[in-house]
């Protein structure tokens, strides 16, 4: 999985996950992983609808479940020109 950066409404640079293959897309649907918008790392033991969990890597409360990121419009897909 790749990451991309974007600027939040508050002006902070954050990361967003980019799914490259169909296997990755289907894999996050049933995984217990989350993604940190602050540092771009993945973290295990996260519920799919998690919001603002603390990150084990950077300490920020910016870990979200992948399904929650999809609902928020932050889960990107490679080749999807409308999100870039």
C-alpha atoms as a PDB file:
ATOM      1  CA  UNK A   1       0.000   0.000   0.000  1.00  0.00           C
ATOM      2  CA  UNK A   2       1.235   3.439  -0.908  1.00  0.00           C
ATOM      3  CA  UNK A   3       0.457   6.704   0.814  1.00  0.00           C
ATOM      4  CA  UNK A   4      -0.213  10.181  -0.441  1.00  0.00           C
ATOM      5  CA  UNK A   5      -0.220  13.497   1.383  1.00  0.00           C
ATOM      6  CA  UNK A   6      -2.927  16.099   1.551  1.00  0.00           C
ATOM      7  CA  UNK A   7      -3.496  19.343   3.417  1.00  0.00           C
ATOM      8  CA  UNK A   8      -6.289  19.380   6.015  1.00  0.00           C
ATOM      9  CA  UNK A   9      -8.704  22.289   6.374  1.00  0.00           C
ATOM     10  CA  UNK A  10      -6.538  23.505   9.270  1.00  0.00           C
ATOM     11  CA  UNK A  11      -3.469  23.506   7.008  1.00  0.00           C
ATOM     12  CA  UNK A  12      -1.804  20.416   8.498  1.00  0.00           C
ATOM     13  CA  UNK A  13      -0.077  17.981   6.117  1.00  0.00           C
ATOM     14  CA  UNK A  14      -1.542  14.509   6.618  1.00  0.00           C
ATOM     15  CA  UNK A  15      -1.251  11.101   4.969  1.00  0.00           C
ATOM     16  CA  UNK A  16      -3.931   9.055   3.204  1.00  0.00           C
ATOM     17  CA  UNK A  17      -3.679   5.390   2.179  1.00  0.00           C
ATOM     18  CA  UNK A  18      -3.753   4.465  -1.516  1.00  0.00           C
ATOM     19  CA  UNK A  19      -4.878   0.940  -2.380  1.00  0.00           C
ATOM     20  CA  UNK A  20      -3.025  -0.403  -5.419  1.00  0.00           C
ATOM     21  CA  UNK A  21      -4.506  -3.869  -5.960  1.00  0.00           C
ATOM     22  CA  UNK A  22      -7.874  -5.556  -5.599  1.00  0.00           C
ATOM     23  CA  UNK A  23      -6.372  -7.854  -2.967  1.00  0.00           C
ATOM     24  CA  UNK A  24      -5.535  -4.837  -0.802  1.00  0.00           C
ATOM     25  CA  UNK A  25      -9.035  -3.434  -1.254  1.00  0.00           C
ATOM     26  CA  UNK A  26     -10.691  -6.683  -0.184  1.00  0.00           C
ATOM     27  CA  UNK A  27      -8.120  -7.279   2.553  1.00  0.00           C
ATOM     28  CA  UNK A  28      -8.884  -4.087   4.465  1.00  0.00           C
ATOM     29  CA  UNK A  29     -12.595  -4.891   4.451  1.00  0.00           C
ATOM     30  CA  UNK A  30     -12.127  -7.673   6.988  1.00  0.00           C
ATOM     31  CA  UNK A  31      -8.889  -6.594   8.658  1.00  0.00           C
ATOM     32  CA  UNK A  32      -8.368  -5.268  12.143  1.00  0.00           C
ATOM     33  CA  UNK A  33      -5.815  -2.732  10.975  1.00  0.00           C
ATOM     34  CA  UNK A  34      -5.979   1.013  11.125  1.00  0.00           C
ATOM     35  CA  UNK A  35      -4.089   3.827   9.448  1.00  0.00           C
ATOM     36  CA  UNK A  36      -2.501   6.867  11.077  1.00  0.00           C
ATOM     37  CA  UNK A  37      -3.182  10.079   9.172  1.00  0.00           C
ATOM     38  CA  UNK A  38      -0.363  11.786  11.097  1.00  0.00           C
ATOM     39  CA  UNK A  39       2.574   9.539  10.184  1.00  0.00           C
ATOM     40  CA  UNK A  40       1.223   7.136   7.540  1.00  0.00           C
ATOM     41  CA  UNK A  41       1.810   3.934   9.517  1.00  0.00           C
ATOM     42  CA  UNK A  42      -0.573   1.013   9.882  1.00  0.00           C
ATOM     43  CA  UNK A  43      -1.519  -0.371  13.260  1.00  0.00           C
ATOM     44  CA  UNK A  44      -3.102  -3.654  14.287  1.00  0.00           C
ATOM     45  CA  UNK A  45      -5.946  -4.213  16.740  1.00  0.00           C
ATOM     46  CA  UNK A  46      -8.112  -1.405  15.385  1.00  0.00           C
ATOM     47  CA  UNK A  47     -11.846  -1.714  14.789  1.00  0.00           C
ATOM     48  CA  UNK A  48     -13.052  -0.963  11.239  1.00  0.00           C
ATOM     49  CA  UNK A  49     -15.046   2.052  12.458  1.00  0.00           C
ATOM     50  CA  UNK A  50     -12.322   3.392  14.758  1.00  0.00           C
ATOM     51  CA  UNK A  51     -11.795   7.139  14.995  1.00  0.00           C
ATOM     52  CA  UNK A  52      -8.907   8.997  16.603  1.00  0.00           C
ATOM     53  CA  UNK A  53      -7.174   6.075  18.281  1.00  0.00           C
ATOM     54  CA  UNK A  54      -3.652   6.826  19.579  1.00  0.00           C
ATOM     55  CA  UNK A  55      -0.854   5.855  17.202  1.00  0.00           C
ATOM     56  CA  UNK A  56       1.801   3.446  18.460  1.00  0.00           C
ATOM     57  CA  UNK A  57       4.405   5.087  16.193  1.00  0.00           C
ATOM     58  CA  UNK A  58       3.915   8.841  16.571  1.00  0.00           C
ATOM     59  CA  UNK A  59       1.547   9.156  19.554  1.00  0.00           C
ATOM     60  CA  UNK A  60      -1.000  11.352  17.755  1.00  0.00           C
ATOM     61  CA  UNK A  61      -4.669  10.435  18.060  1.00  0.00           C
ATOM     62  CA  UNK A  62      -5.070  10.113  14.298  1.00  0.00           C
ATOM     63  CA  UNK A  63      -5.559   6.356  13.768  1.00  0.00           C
ATOM     64  CA  UNK A  64      -8.743   5.475  11.888  1.00  0.00           C
ATOM     65  CA  UNK A  65     -10.138   2.133  10.765  1.00  0.00           C
ATOM     66  CA  UNK A  66     -10.033   1.541   7.003  1.00  0.00           C
ATOM     67  CA  UNK A  67     -13.816   1.367   6.668  1.00  0.00           C
ATOM     68  CA  UNK A  68     -14.101   4.680   8.495  1.00  0.00           C
ATOM     69  CA  UNK A  69     -11.527   6.201   6.130  1.00  0.00           C
ATOM     70  CA  UNK A  70     -13.622   4.985   3.197  1.00  0.00           C
ATOM     71  CA  UNK A  71     -16.726   6.661   4.609  1.00  0.00           C
ATOM     72  CA  UNK A  72     -14.753   9.854   5.221  1.00  0.00           C
ATOM     73  CA  UNK A  73     -13.554   9.872   1.608  1.00  0.00           C
ATOM     74  CA  UNK A  74      -9.888   9.492   2.604  1.00  0.00           C
ATOM     75  CA  UNK A  75      -9.256   5.960   1.344  1.00  0.00           C
ATOM     76  CA  UNK A  76      -7.870   6.391  -2.146  1.00  0.00           C
ATOM     77  CA  UNK A  77      -7.545   3.905  -4.989  1.00  0.00           C
ATOM     78  CA  UNK A  78      -4.695   3.870  -7.529  1.00  0.00           C
ATOM     79  CA  UNK A  79      -5.905   5.118 -10.885  1.00  0.00           C
ATOM     80  CA  UNK A  80      -8.868   7.014  -9.427  1.00  0.00           C
ATOM     81  CA  UNK A  81      -8.285  10.422 -10.992  1.00  0.00           C
ATOM     82  CA  UNK A  82     -11.284  12.027  -9.288  1.00  0.00           C
ATOM     83  CA  UNK A  83      -9.671  11.799  -5.812  1.00  0.00           C
ATOM     84  CA  UNK A  84      -6.285  13.261  -6.725  1.00  0.00           C
END
